[in-house]
Amino acid sequence: MGLYLVEVYRSPNIGIFLRANDNFLLAPKGIASTKSKMLAESLGVSPVAVSVEGTRLLGPLVVMNNKGMLVSRLVEDYEVRELASLSGLRVERFTSNCTAVGNLVAANDHGAVVSQILDH
């Protein structure tokens, strides 16, 4: 396993744009295909180009593991269908008034750690 130093859209804050599990890397539509492929290869996964809420900000709006994906409640129906089709995962909208599900939940295949603000 290596460590790769990268920028995405000239930003060092790559977690805003990317989300990965053991099988694929979600990367924003419009990112250079060469960069998307390089990033995915670095993780040993396949690249998947998507949008969420019509934006490239995947990190704050998506949380996933190898079994499923939660997305912001504001995600368009066609984006939910596309995410499910391209990833092969079950995709559900997070029904909270908080839309940045990726900032509030950290999950893997064994469980999740959830922000206390979701207790309201």
PDB file of N, CA and C in Angstrom:
ATOM      1  N   MET A   1       0.849  -1.174   0.000  1.00  0.00           N
ATOM      2  CA  MET A   1       0.000   0.000   0.000  1.00  0.00           C
ATOM      3  C   MET A   1       0.889   1.230   0.000  1.00  0.00           C
ATOM      4  N   GLY A   2       0.551   2.189  -0.815  1.00  0.00           N
ATOM      5  CA  GLY A   2       1.327   3.412  -0.899  1.00  0.00           C
ATOM      6  C   GLY A   2       0.531   4.616  -0.443  1.00  0.00           C
ATOM      7  N   LEU A   3       1.222   5.693  -0.285  1.00  0.00           N
ATOM      8  CA  LEU A   3       0.610   6.966   0.059  1.00  0.00           C
ATOM      9  C   LEU A   3       0.803   7.888  -1.129  1.00  0.00           C
ATOM     10  N   TYR A   4      -0.265   8.456  -1.623  1.00  0.00           N
ATOM     11  CA  TYR A   4      -0.209   9.312  -2.790  1.00  0.00           C
ATOM     12  C   TYR A   4      -0.711  10.695  -2.431  1.00  0.00           C
ATOM     13  N   LEU A   5       0.063  11.708  -2.728  1.00  0.00           N
ATOM     14  CA  LEU A   5      -0.304  13.085  -2.455  1.00  0.00           C
ATOM     15  C   LEU A   5      -0.977  13.657  -3.700  1.00  0.00           C
ATOM     16  N   VAL A   6      -2.217  14.113  -3.546  1.00  0.00           N
ATOM     17  CA  VAL A   6      -2.972  14.612  -4.694  1.00  0.00           C
ATOM     18  C   VAL A   6      -3.774  15.852  -4.316  1.00  0.00           C
ATOM     19  N   GLU A   7      -4.197  16.542  -5.319  1.00  0.00           N
ATOM     20  CA  GLU A   7      -5.172  17.611  -5.211  1.00  0.00           C
ATOM     21  C   GLU A   7      -6.320  17.262  -6.144  1.00  0.00           C
ATOM     22  N   VAL A   8      -7.504  17.714  -5.806  1.00  0.00           N
ATOM     23  CA  VAL A   8      -8.656  17.568  -6.681  1.00  0.00           C
ATOM     24  C   VAL A   8      -9.229  18.958  -6.888  1.00  0.00           C
ATOM     25  N   TYR A   9      -9.396  19.349  -8.125  1.00  0.00           N
ATOM     26  CA  TYR A   9      -9.846  20.699  -8.468  1.00  0.00           C
ATOM     27  C   TYR A   9      -8.989  21.750  -7.766  1.00  0.00           C
ATOM     28  N   ARG A  10      -7.686  21.516  -7.755  1.00  0.00           N
ATOM     29  CA  ARG A  10      -6.704  22.427  -7.146  1.00  0.00           C
ATOM     30  C   ARG A  10      -6.942  22.652  -5.652  1.00  0.00           C
ATOM     31  N   SER A  11      -7.594  21.695  -5.020  1.00  0.00           N
ATOM     32  CA  SER A  11      -7.871  21.780  -3.590  1.00  0.00           C
ATOM     33  C   SER A  11      -7.201  20.615  -2.871  1.00  0.00           C
ATOM     34  N   PRO A  12      -6.583  20.882  -1.716  1.00  0.00           N
ATOM     35  CA  PRO A  12      -6.023  19.788  -0.936  1.00  0.00           C
ATOM     36  C   PRO A  12      -7.097  19.030  -0.154  1.00  0.00           C
ATOM     37  N   ASN A  13      -8.299  19.547  -0.110  1.00  0.00           N
ATOM     38  CA  ASN A  13      -9.409  18.958   0.646  1.00  0.00           C
ATOM     39  C   ASN A  13     -10.129  17.907  -0.189  1.00  0.00           C
ATOM     40  N   ILE A  14      -9.445  16.813  -0.463  1.00  0.00           N
ATOM     41  CA  ILE A  14      -9.960  15.818  -1.400  1.00  0.00           C
ATOM     42  C   ILE A  14     -11.209  15.108  -0.895  1.00  0.00           C
ATOM     43  N   GLY A  15     -11.398  15.043   0.426  1.00  0.00           N
ATOM     44  CA  GLY A  15     -12.575  14.381   0.981  1.00  0.00           C
ATOM     45  C   GLY A  15     -13.882  15.069   0.646  1.00  0.00           C
ATOM     46  N   ILE A  16     -13.818  16.306   0.214  1.00  0.00           N
ATOM     47  CA  ILE A  16     -15.027  17.021  -0.216  1.00  0.00           C
ATOM     48  C   ILE A  16     -15.550  16.443  -1.528  1.00  0.00           C
ATOM     49  N   PHE A  17     -14.638  15.940  -2.337  1.00  0.00           N
ATOM     50  CA  PHE A  17     -14.987  15.511  -3.684  1.00  0.00           C
ATOM     51  C   PHE A  17     -15.087  14.007  -3.875  1.00  0.00           C
ATOM     52  N   LEU A  18     -14.465  13.227  -3.026  1.00  0.00           N
ATOM     53  CA  LEU A  18     -14.341  11.789  -3.251  1.00  0.00           C
ATOM     54  C   LEU A  18     -14.950  10.977  -2.123  1.00  0.00           C
ATOM     55  N   ARG A  19     -15.422   9.775  -2.463  1.00  0.00           N
ATOM     56  CA  ARG A  19     -15.905   8.807  -1.467  1.00  0.00           C
ATOM     57  C   ARG A  19     -15.552   7.437  -1.997  1.00  0.00           C
ATOM     58  N   ALA A  20     -15.035   6.565  -1.143  1.00  0.00           N
ATOM     59  CA  ALA A  20     -14.597   5.242  -1.602  1.00  0.00           C
ATOM     60  C   ALA A  20     -15.036   4.151  -0.641  1.00  0.00           C
ATOM     61  N   ASN A  21     -15.169   2.949  -1.185  1.00  0.00           N
ATOM     62  CA  ASN A  21     -15.313   1.734  -0.375  1.00  0.00           C
ATOM     63  C   ASN A  21     -14.315   0.716  -0.921  1.00  0.00           C
ATOM     64  N   ASP A  22     -14.499  -0.552  -0.621  1.00  0.00           N
ATOM     65  CA  ASP A  22     -13.534  -1.566  -1.055  1.00  0.00           C
ATOM     66  C   ASP A  22     -13.607  -1.891  -2.544  1.00  0.00           C
ATOM     67  N   ASN A  23     -14.633  -1.406  -3.228  1.00  0.00           N
ATOM     68  CA  ASN A  23     -14.850  -1.793  -4.616  1.00  0.00           C
ATOM     69  C   ASN A  23     -14.749  -0.669  -5.631  1.00  0.00           C
ATOM     70  N   PHE A  24     -15.052   0.542  -5.229  1.00  0.00           N
ATOM     71  CA  PHE A  24     -15.032   1.639  -6.186  1.00  0.00           C
ATOM     72  C   PHE A  24     -14.776   2.974  -5.515  1.00  0.00           C
ATOM     73  N   LEU A  25     -14.433   3.936  -6.342  1.00  0.00           N
ATOM     74  CA  LEU A  25     -14.221   5.315  -5.930  1.00  0.00           C
ATOM     75  C   LEU A  25     -15.265   6.171  -6.609  1.00  0.00           C
ATOM     76  N   LEU A  26     -16.100   6.834  -5.826  1.00  0.00           N
ATOM     77  CA  LEU A  26     -17.012   7.819  -6.391  1.00  0.00           C
ATOM     78  C   LEU A  26     -16.213   9.090  -6.630  1.00  0.00           C
ATOM     79  N   ALA A  27     -16.232   9.558  -7.852  1.00  0.00           N
ATOM     80  CA  ALA A  27     -15.548  10.784  -8.230  1.00  0.00           C
ATOM     81  C   ALA A  27     -16.555  11.666  -8.972  1.00  0.00           C
ATOM     82  N   PRO A  28     -16.406  12.965  -8.887  1.00  0.00           N
ATOM     83  CA  PRO A  28     -17.376  13.846  -9.527  1.00  0.00           C
ATOM     84  C   PRO A  28     -17.343  13.764 -11.048  1.00  0.00           C
ATOM     85  N   LYS A  29     -18.516  13.853 -11.632  1.00  0.00           N
ATOM     86  CA  LYS A  29     -18.578  13.998 -13.089  1.00  0.00           C
ATOM     87  C   LYS A  29     -17.800  15.252 -13.444  1.00  0.00           C
ATOM     88  N   GLY A  30     -17.051  15.172 -14.515  1.00  0.00           N
ATOM     89  CA  GLY A  30     -16.288  16.331 -14.953  1.00  0.00           C
ATOM     90  C   GLY A  30     -14.835  16.308 -14.522  1.00  0.00           C
ATOM     91  N   ILE A  31     -14.485  15.460 -13.555  1.00  0.00           N
ATOM     92  CA  ILE A  31     -13.087  15.330 -13.193  1.00  0.00           C
ATOM     93  C   ILE A  31     -12.376  14.649 -14.366  1.00  0.00           C
ATOM     94  N   ALA A  32     -11.142  15.010 -14.591  1.00  0.00           N
ATOM     95  CA  ALA A  32     -10.392  14.412 -15.695  1.00  0.00           C
ATOM     96  C   ALA A  32     -10.367  12.892 -15.539  1.00  0.00           C
ATOM     97  N   SER A  33     -10.694  12.180 -16.601  1.00  0.00           N
ATOM     98  CA  SER A  33     -10.740  10.720 -16.520  1.00  0.00           C
ATOM     99  C   SER A  33      -9.382  10.138 -16.150  1.00  0.00           C
ATOM    100  N   THR A  34      -8.303  10.770 -16.575  1.00  0.00           N
ATOM    101  CA  THR A  34      -6.978  10.283 -16.211  1.00  0.00           C
ATOM    102  C   THR A  34      -6.753  10.396 -14.703  1.00  0.00           C
ATOM    103  N   LYS A  35      -7.213  11.481 -14.103  1.00  0.00           N
ATOM    104  CA  LYS A  35      -7.067  11.656 -12.653  1.00  0.00           C
ATOM    105  C   LYS A  35      -7.956  10.668 -11.918  1.00  0.00           C
ATOM    106  N   SER A  36      -9.192  10.505 -12.368  1.00  0.00           N
ATOM    107  CA  SER A  36     -10.117   9.567 -11.737  1.00  0.00           C
ATOM    108  C   SER A  36      -9.553   8.152 -11.771  1.00  0.00           C
ATOM    109  N   LYS A  37      -9.021   7.750 -12.910  1.00  0.00           N
ATOM    110  CA  LYS A  37      -8.435   6.416 -13.042  1.00  0.00           C
ATOM    111  C   LYS A  37      -7.215   6.256 -12.144  1.00  0.00           C
ATOM    112  N   MET A  38      -6.353   7.278 -12.085  1.00  0.00           N
ATOM    113  CA  MET A  38      -5.162   7.228 -11.244  1.00  0.00           C
ATOM    114  C   MET A  38      -5.554   7.112  -9.770  1.00  0.00           C
ATOM    115  N   LEU A  39      -6.533   7.892  -9.342  1.00  0.00           N
ATOM    116  CA  LEU A  39      -6.983   7.841  -7.952  1.00  0.00           C
ATOM    117  C   LEU A  39      -7.552   6.464  -7.622  1.00  0.00           C
ATOM    118  N   ALA A  40      -8.395   5.942  -8.503  1.00  0.00           N
ATOM    119  CA  ALA A  40      -9.008   4.634  -8.276  1.00  0.00           C
ATOM    120  C   ALA A  40      -7.944   3.532  -8.264  1.00  0.00           C
ATOM    121  N   GLU A  41      -7.013   3.584  -9.205  1.00  0.00           N
ATOM    122  CA  GLU A  41      -5.946   2.590  -9.240  1.00  0.00           C
ATOM    123  C   GLU A  41      -5.100   2.645  -7.971  1.00  0.00           C
ATOM    124  N   SER A  42      -4.892   3.835  -7.436  1.00  0.00           N
ATOM    125  CA  SER A  42      -4.130   3.986  -6.195  1.00  0.00           C
ATOM    126  C   SER A  42      -4.792   3.248  -5.043  1.00  0.00           C
ATOM    127  N   LEU A  43      -6.111   3.158  -5.076  1.00  0.00           N
ATOM    128  CA  LEU A  43      -6.867   2.466  -4.027  1.00  0.00           C
ATOM    129  C   LEU A  43      -7.185   1.018  -4.392  1.00  0.00           C
ATOM    130  N   GLY A  44      -6.883   0.625  -5.610  1.00  0.00           N
ATOM    131  CA  GLY A  44      -7.174  -0.738  -6.054  1.00  0.00           C
ATOM    132  C   GLY A  44      -8.647  -0.977  -6.302  1.00  0.00           C
ATOM    133  N   VAL A  45      -9.343   0.060  -6.779  1.00  0.00           N
ATOM    134  CA  VAL A  45     -10.785  -0.025  -7.035  1.00  0.00           C
ATOM    135  C   VAL A  45     -11.095   0.524  -8.426  1.00  0.00           C
ATOM    136  N   SER A  46     -12.377   0.501  -8.789  1.00  0.00           N
ATOM    137  CA  SER A  46     -12.826   1.044 -10.069  1.00  0.00           C
ATOM    138  C   SER A  46     -13.374   2.458  -9.878  1.00  0.00           C
ATOM    139  N   PRO A  47     -13.129   3.351 -10.833  1.00  0.00           N
ATOM    140  CA  PRO A  47     -13.696   4.696 -10.737  1.00  0.00           C
ATOM    141  C   PRO A  47     -15.151   4.717 -11.193  1.00  0.00           C
ATOM    142  N   VAL A  48     -15.968   5.511 -10.519  1.00  0.00           N
ATOM    143  CA  VAL A  48     -17.367   5.708 -10.889  1.00  0.00           C
ATOM    144  C   VAL A  48     -17.627   7.209 -10.859  1.00  0.00           C
ATOM    145  N   ALA A  49     -17.977   7.789 -12.006  1.00  0.00           N
ATOM    146  CA  ALA A  49     -18.228   9.226 -12.108  1.00  0.00           C
ATOM    147  C   ALA A  49     -19.710   9.515 -11.888  1.00  0.00           C
ATOM    148  N   VAL A  50     -20.016  10.333 -10.869  1.00  0.00           N
ATOM    149  CA  VAL A  50     -21.400  10.642 -10.520  1.00  0.00           C
ATOM    150  C   VAL A  50     -21.528  12.099 -10.072  1.00  0.00           C
ATOM    151  N   SER A  51     -22.768  12.533  -9.951  1.00  0.00           N
ATOM    152  CA  SER A  51     -23.057  13.818  -9.309  1.00  0.00           C
ATOM    153  C   SER A  51     -24.071  13.553  -8.197  1.00  0.00           C
ATOM    154  N   VAL A  52     -24.061  14.420  -7.228  1.00  0.00           N
ATOM    155  CA  VAL A  52     -25.028  14.355  -6.134  1.00  0.00           C
ATOM    156  C   VAL A  52     -25.543  15.768  -5.931  1.00  0.00           C
ATOM    157  N   GLU A  53     -26.855  15.916  -5.996  1.00  0.00           N
ATOM    158  CA  GLU A  53     -27.496  17.234  -5.950  1.00  0.00           C
ATOM    159  C   GLU A  53     -26.969  18.136  -7.060  1.00  0.00           C
ATOM    160  N   GLY A  54     -26.536  17.527  -8.151  1.00  0.00           N
ATOM    161  CA  GLY A  54     -26.022  18.295  -9.278  1.00  0.00           C
ATOM    162  C   GLY A  54     -24.665  18.924  -9.020  1.00  0.00           C
ATOM    163  N   THR A  55     -23.998  18.518  -7.919  1.00  0.00           N
ATOM    164  CA  THR A  55     -22.712  19.113  -7.577  1.00  0.00           C
ATOM    165  C   THR A  55     -21.606  18.071  -7.642  1.00  0.00           C
ATOM    166  N   ARG A  56     -20.390  18.532  -7.463  1.00  0.00           N
ATOM    167  CA  ARG A  56     -19.241  17.637  -7.384  1.00  0.00           C
ATOM    168  C   ARG A  56     -18.839  17.379  -5.932  1.00  0.00           C
ATOM    169  N   LEU A  57     -19.624  17.855  -4.988  1.00  0.00           N
ATOM    170  CA  LEU A  57     -19.315  17.709  -3.560  1.00  0.00           C
ATOM    171  C   LEU A  57     -19.856  16.389  -3.026  1.00  0.00           C
ATOM    172  N   LEU A  58     -19.233  15.305  -3.394  1.00  0.00           N
ATOM    173  CA  LEU A  58     -19.711  13.979  -3.017  1.00  0.00           C
ATOM    174  C   LEU A  58     -19.461  13.663  -1.548  1.00  0.00           C
ATOM    175  N   GLY A  59     -18.319  14.041  -1.024  1.00  0.00           N
ATOM    176  CA  GLY A  59     -17.948  13.694   0.339  1.00  0.00           C
ATOM    177  C   GLY A  59     -18.965  14.077   1.398  1.00  0.00           C
ATOM    178  N   PRO A  60     -19.405  15.324   1.439  1.00  0.00           N
ATOM    179  CA  PRO A  60     -20.365  15.712   2.465  1.00  0.00           C
ATOM    180  C   PRO A  60     -21.775  15.144   2.254  1.00  0.00           C
ATOM    181  N   LEU A  61     -22.085  14.717   1.043  1.00  0.00           N
ATOM    182  CA  LEU A  61     -23.457  14.336   0.720  1.00  0.00           C
ATOM    183  C   LEU A  61     -23.684  12.836   0.630  1.00  0.00           C
ATOM    184  N   VAL A  62     -22.620  12.041   0.836  1.00  0.00           N
ATOM    185  CA  VAL A  62     -22.716  10.582   0.693  1.00  0.00           C
ATOM    186  C   VAL A  62     -21.959   9.904   1.832  1.00  0.00           C
ATOM    187  N   VAL A  63     -22.548   8.857   2.387  1.00  0.00           N
ATOM    188  CA  VAL A  63     -21.831   7.942   3.275  1.00  0.00           C
ATOM    189  C   VAL A  63     -22.145   6.537   2.765  1.00  0.00           C
ATOM    190  N   MET A  64     -21.124   5.680   2.754  1.00  0.00           N
ATOM    191  CA  MET A  64     -21.358   4.339   2.231  1.00  0.00           C
ATOM    192  C   MET A  64     -20.390   3.348   2.852  1.00  0.00           C
ATOM    193  N   ASN A  65     -20.750   2.101   2.690  1.00  0.00           N
ATOM    194  CA  ASN A  65     -19.855   0.992   2.995  1.00  0.00           C
ATOM    195  C   ASN A  65     -19.948   0.045   1.803  1.00  0.00           C
ATOM    196  N   ASN A  66     -19.629  -1.213   1.970  1.00  0.00           N
ATOM    197  CA  ASN A  66     -19.691  -2.148   0.851  1.00  0.00           C
ATOM    198  C   ASN A  66     -21.088  -2.699   0.608  1.00  0.00           C
ATOM    199  N   LYS A  67     -22.029  -2.359   1.471  1.00  0.00           N
ATOM    200  CA  LYS A  67     -23.387  -2.899   1.380  1.00  0.00           C
ATOM    201  C   LYS A  67     -24.433  -1.889   0.938  1.00  0.00           C
ATOM    202  N   GLY A  68     -24.194  -0.614   1.179  1.00  0.00           N
ATOM    203  CA  GLY A  68     -25.193   0.374   0.838  1.00  0.00           C
ATOM    204  C   GLY A  68     -24.666   1.789   0.930  1.00  0.00           C
ATOM    205  N   MET A  69     -25.544   2.716   0.582  1.00  0.00           N
ATOM    206  CA  MET A  69     -25.175   4.117   0.513  1.00  0.00           C
ATOM    207  C   MET A  69     -26.332   4.969   1.019  1.00  0.00           C
ATOM    208  N   LEU A  70     -26.018   5.940   1.870  1.00  0.00           N
ATOM    209  CA  LEU A  70     -26.971   6.956   2.274  1.00  0.00           C
ATOM    210  C   LEU A  70     -26.574   8.250   1.596  1.00  0.00           C
ATOM    211  N   VAL A  71     -27.565   8.955   1.068  1.00  0.00           N
ATOM    212  CA  VAL A  71     -27.304  10.216   0.391  1.00  0.00           C
ATOM    213  C   VAL A  71     -28.217  11.292   0.965  1.00  0.00           C
ATOM    214  N   SER A  72     -27.867  12.509   0.725  1.00  0.00           N
ATOM    215  CA  SER A  72     -28.676  13.647   1.157  1.00  0.00           C
ATOM    216  C   SER A  72     -30.118  13.493   0.667  1.00  0.00           C
ATOM    217  N   ARG A  73     -31.036  13.971   1.455  1.00  0.00           N
ATOM    218  CA  ARG A  73     -32.451  13.903   1.053  1.00  0.00           C
ATOM    219  C   ARG A  73     -32.739  14.748  -0.181  1.00  0.00           C
ATOM    220  N   LEU A  74     -31.844  15.636  -0.542  1.00  0.00           N
ATOM    221  CA  LEU A  74     -32.051  16.529  -1.684  1.00  0.00           C
ATOM    222  C   LEU A  74     -31.558  15.960  -3.013  1.00  0.00           C
ATOM    223  N   VAL A  75     -31.020  14.759  -2.981  1.00  0.00           N
ATOM    224  CA  VAL A  75     -30.521  14.134  -4.214  1.00  0.00           C
ATOM    225  C   VAL A  75     -31.684  13.878  -5.166  1.00  0.00           C
ATOM    226  N   GLU A  76     -31.463  14.159  -6.415  1.00  0.00           N
ATOM    227  CA  GLU A  76     -32.489  13.968  -7.448  1.00  0.00           C
ATOM    228  C   GLU A  76     -32.762  12.481  -7.667  1.00  0.00           C
ATOM    229  N   ASP A  77     -33.991  12.162  -8.074  1.00  0.00           N
ATOM    230  CA  ASP A  77     -34.369  10.769  -8.321  1.00  0.00           C
ATOM    231  C   ASP A  77     -33.449  10.099  -9.339  1.00  0.00           C
ATOM    232  N   TYR A  78     -33.121  10.802 -10.418  1.00  0.00           N
ATOM    233  CA  TYR A  78     -32.260  10.202 -11.443  1.00  0.00           C
ATOM    234  C   TYR A  78     -30.865   9.932 -10.878  1.00  0.00           C
ATOM    235  N   GLU A  79     -30.401  10.752  -9.938  1.00  0.00           N
ATOM    236  CA  GLU A  79     -29.087  10.526  -9.335  1.00  0.00           C
ATOM    237  C   GLU A  79     -29.105   9.292  -8.436  1.00  0.00           C
ATOM    238  N   VAL A  80     -30.202   9.095  -7.706  1.00  0.00           N
ATOM    239  CA  VAL A  80     -30.337   7.890  -6.880  1.00  0.00           C
ATOM    240  C   VAL A  80     -30.294   6.659  -7.769  1.00  0.00           C
ATOM    241  N   ARG A  81     -31.042   6.677  -8.874  1.00  0.00           N
ATOM    242  CA  ARG A  81     -31.045   5.544  -9.800  1.00  0.00           C
ATOM    243  C   ARG A  81     -29.659   5.317 -10.397  1.00  0.00           C
ATOM    244  N   GLU A  82     -28.999   6.384 -10.778  1.00  0.00           N
ATOM    245  CA  GLU A  82     -27.666   6.273 -11.366  1.00  0.00           C
ATOM    246  C   GLU A  82     -26.655   5.740 -10.347  1.00  0.00           C
ATOM    247  N   LEU A  83     -26.696   6.252  -9.120  1.00  0.00           N
ATOM    248  CA  LEU A  83     -25.797   5.760  -8.075  1.00  0.00           C
ATOM    249  C   LEU A  83     -26.003   4.269  -7.841  1.00  0.00           C
ATOM    250  N   ALA A  84     -27.254   3.841  -7.760  1.00  0.00           N
ATOM    251  CA  ALA A  84     -27.553   2.419  -7.538  1.00  0.00           C
ATOM    252  C   ALA A  84     -27.082   1.576  -8.722  1.00  0.00           C
ATOM    253  N   SER A  85     -27.349   2.043  -9.917  1.00  0.00           N
ATOM    254  CA  SER A  85     -26.980   1.293 -11.114  1.00  0.00           C
ATOM    255  C   SER A  85     -25.469   1.171 -11.263  1.00  0.00           C
ATOM    256  N   LEU A  86     -24.759   2.264 -11.088  1.00  0.00           N
ATOM    257  CA  LEU A  86     -23.306   2.253 -11.290  1.00  0.00           C
ATOM    258  C   LEU A  86     -22.549   1.565 -10.163  1.00  0.00           C
ATOM    259  N   SER A  87     -23.091   1.630  -8.945  1.00  0.00           N
ATOM    260  CA  SER A  87     -22.380   1.044  -7.805  1.00  0.00           C
ATOM    261  C   SER A  87     -22.819  -0.377  -7.485  1.00  0.00           C
ATOM    262  N   GLY A  88     -24.055  -0.717  -7.866  1.00  0.00           N
ATOM    263  CA  GLY A  88     -24.603  -2.017  -7.489  1.00  0.00           C
ATOM    264  C   GLY A  88     -25.043  -2.072  -6.035  1.00  0.00           C
ATOM    265  N   LEU A  89     -25.060  -0.925  -5.374  1.00  0.00           N
ATOM    266  CA  LEU A  89     -25.455  -0.850  -3.973  1.00  0.00           C
ATOM    267  C   LEU A  89     -26.883  -0.370  -3.822  1.00  0.00           C
ATOM    268  N   ARG A  90     -27.480  -0.702  -2.697  1.00  0.00           N
ATOM    269  CA  ARG A  90     -28.762  -0.120  -2.336  1.00  0.00           C
ATOM    270  C   ARG A  90     -28.491   1.328  -1.923  1.00  0.00           C
ATOM    271  N   VAL A  91     -29.251   2.263  -2.470  1.00  0.00           N
ATOM    272  CA  VAL A  91     -29.073   3.685  -2.191  1.00  0.00           C
ATOM    273  C   VAL A  91     -30.355   4.212  -1.558  1.00  0.00           C
ATOM    274  N   GLU A  92     -30.217   4.831  -0.406  1.00  0.00           N
ATOM    275  CA  GLU A  92     -31.360   5.392   0.314  1.00  0.00           C
ATOM    276  C   GLU A  92     -31.094   6.854   0.634  1.00  0.00           C
ATOM    277  N   ARG A  93     -32.159   7.633   0.624  1.00  0.00           N
ATOM    278  CA  ARG A  93     -32.054   9.028   1.055  1.00  0.00           C
ATOM    279  C   ARG A  93     -32.037   9.091   2.584  1.00  0.00           C
ATOM    280  N   PHE A  94     -31.209   9.957   3.114  1.00  0.00           N
ATOM    281  CA  PHE A  94     -31.137  10.229   4.541  1.00  0.00           C
ATOM    282  C   PHE A  94     -32.208  11.254   4.838  1.00  0.00           C
ATOM    283  N   THR A  95     -33.207  10.896   5.628  1.00  0.00           N
ATOM    284  CA  THR A  95     -34.400  11.725   5.765  1.00  0.00           C
ATOM    285  C   THR A  95     -34.282  12.847   6.786  1.00  0.00           C
ATOM    286  N   SER A  96     -33.139  13.031   7.371  1.00  0.00           N
ATOM    287  CA  SER A  96     -32.918  14.103   8.336  1.00  0.00           C
ATOM    288  C   SER A  96     -32.969  15.467   7.655  1.00  0.00           C
ATOM    289  N   ASN A  97     -33.251  16.503   8.439  1.00  0.00           N
ATOM    290  CA  ASN A  97     -33.139  17.868   7.927  1.00  0.00           C
ATOM    291  C   ASN A  97     -31.687  18.235   7.659  1.00  0.00           C
ATOM    292  N   CYS A  98     -30.765  17.520   8.278  1.00  0.00           N
ATOM    293  CA  CYS A  98     -29.337  17.712   8.023  1.00  0.00           C
ATOM    294  C   CYS A  98     -29.006  17.035   6.696  1.00  0.00           C
ATOM    295  N   THR A  99     -28.439  17.778   5.786  1.00  0.00           N
ATOM    296  CA  THR A  99     -28.198  17.221   4.455  1.00  0.00           C
ATOM    297  C   THR A  99     -26.777  16.702   4.262  1.00  0.00           C
ATOM    298  N   ALA A 100     -25.849  17.086   5.122  1.00  0.00           N
ATOM    299  CA  ALA A 100     -24.457  16.674   4.958  1.00  0.00           C
ATOM    300  C   ALA A 100     -24.208  15.349   5.665  1.00  0.00           C
ATOM    301  N   VAL A 101     -24.874  14.308   5.203  1.00  0.00           N
ATOM    302  CA  VAL A 101     -24.793  12.984   5.828  1.00  0.00           C
ATOM    303  C   VAL A 101     -23.362  12.471   5.890  1.00  0.00           C
ATOM    304  N   GLY A 102     -22.551  12.776   4.905  1.00  0.00           N
ATOM    305  CA  GLY A 102     -21.164  12.336   4.902  1.00  0.00           C
ATOM    306  C   GLY A 102     -20.322  12.987   5.985  1.00  0.00           C
ATOM    307  N   ASN A 103     -20.758  14.130   6.471  1.00  0.00           N
ATOM    308  CA  ASN A 103     -20.067  14.801   7.575  1.00  0.00           C
ATOM    309  C   ASN A 103     -20.581  14.344   8.930  1.00  0.00           C
ATOM    310  N   LEU A 104     -21.704  13.651   8.964  1.00  0.00           N
ATOM    311  CA  LEU A 104     -22.354  13.297  10.225  1.00  0.00           C
ATOM    312  C   LEU A 104     -22.285  11.809  10.557  1.00  0.00           C
ATOM    313  N   VAL A 105     -21.940  10.995   9.571  1.00  0.00           N
ATOM    314  CA  VAL A 105     -21.906   9.545   9.763  1.00  0.00           C
ATOM    315  C   VAL A 105     -20.613   8.991   9.176  1.00  0.00           C
ATOM    316  N   ALA A 106     -19.926   8.182   9.951  1.00  0.00           N
ATOM    317  CA  ALA A 106     -18.780   7.401   9.464  1.00  0.00           C
ATOM    318  C   ALA A 106     -19.179   5.947   9.605  1.00  0.00           C
ATOM    319  N   ALA A 107     -19.134   5.202   8.509  1.00  0.00           N
ATOM    320  CA  ALA A 107     -19.626   3.827   8.531  1.00  0.00           C
ATOM    321  C   ALA A 107     -18.656   2.881   7.828  1.00  0.00           C
ATOM    322  N   ASN A 108     -18.685   1.638   8.278  1.00  0.00           N
ATOM    323  CA  ASN A 108     -18.050   0.557   7.540  1.00  0.00           C
ATOM    324  C   ASN A 108     -19.027  -0.619   7.573  1.00  0.00           C
ATOM    325  N   ASP A 109     -18.583  -1.802   7.200  1.00  0.00           N
ATOM    326  CA  ASP A 109     -19.496  -2.944   7.133  1.00  0.00           C
ATOM    327  C   ASP A 109     -19.871  -3.509   8.499  1.00  0.00           C
ATOM    328  N   HIS A 110     -19.253  -3.012   9.555  1.00  0.00           N
ATOM    329  CA  HIS A 110     -19.519  -3.522  10.902  1.00  0.00           C
ATOM    330  C   HIS A 110     -20.384  -2.597  11.740  1.00  0.00           C
ATOM    331  N   GLY A 111     -20.490  -1.334  11.355  1.00  0.00           N
ATOM    332  CA  GLY A 111     -21.284  -0.403  12.147  1.00  0.00           C
ATOM    333  C   GLY A 111     -21.088   1.019  11.684  1.00  0.00           C
ATOM    334  N   ALA A 112     -21.561   1.936  12.517  1.00  0.00           N
ATOM    335  CA  ALA A 112     -21.466   3.358  12.180  1.00  0.00           C
ATOM    336  C   ALA A 112     -21.250   4.175  13.439  1.00  0.00           C
ATOM    337  N   VAL A 113     -20.579   5.284  13.267  1.00  0.00           N
ATOM    338  CA  VAL A 113     -20.434   6.293  14.308  1.00  0.00           C
ATOM    339  C   VAL A 113     -21.221   7.489  13.800  1.00  0.00           C
ATOM    340  N   VAL A 114     -22.134   7.988  14.659  1.00  0.00           N
ATOM    341  CA  VAL A 114     -23.089   8.997  14.222  1.00  0.00           C
ATOM    342  C   VAL A 114     -22.983  10.233  15.112  1.00  0.00           C
ATOM    343  N   SER A 115     -23.025  11.395  14.502  1.00  0.00           N
ATOM    344  CA  SER A 115     -22.974  12.646  15.253  1.00  0.00           C
ATOM    345  C   SER A 115     -24.153  12.760  16.207  1.00  0.00           C
ATOM    346  N   GLN A 116     -23.897  13.327  17.367  1.00  0.00           N
ATOM    347  CA  GLN A 116     -24.942  13.488  18.366  1.00  0.00           C
ATOM    348  C   GLN A 116     -26.017  14.481  17.946  1.00  0.00           C
ATOM    349  N   ILE A 117     -25.749  15.340  16.957  1.00  0.00           N
ATOM    350  CA  ILE A 117     -26.797  16.276  16.544  1.00  0.00           C
ATOM    351  C   ILE A 117     -27.968  15.572  15.867  1.00  0.00           C
ATOM    352  N   LEU A 118     -27.786  14.329  15.474  1.00  0.00           N
ATOM    353  CA  LEU A 118     -28.873  13.592  14.834  1.00  0.00           C
ATOM    354  C   LEU A 118     -29.856  13.030  15.852  1.00  0.00           C
ATOM    355  N   ASP A 119     -29.583  13.222  17.117  1.00  0.00           N
ATOM    356  CA  ASP A 119     -30.469  12.769  18.186  1.00  0.00           C
ATOM    357  C   ASP A 119     -31.642  13.726  18.403  1.00  0.00           C
ATOM    358  N   HIS A 120     -31.677  14.811  17.668  1.00  0.00           N
ATOM    359  CA  HIS A 120     -32.733  15.827  17.865  1.00  0.00           C
ATOM    360  C   HIS A 120     -33.935  15.567  17.007  1.00  0.00           C
TER     361      HIS A 120
END
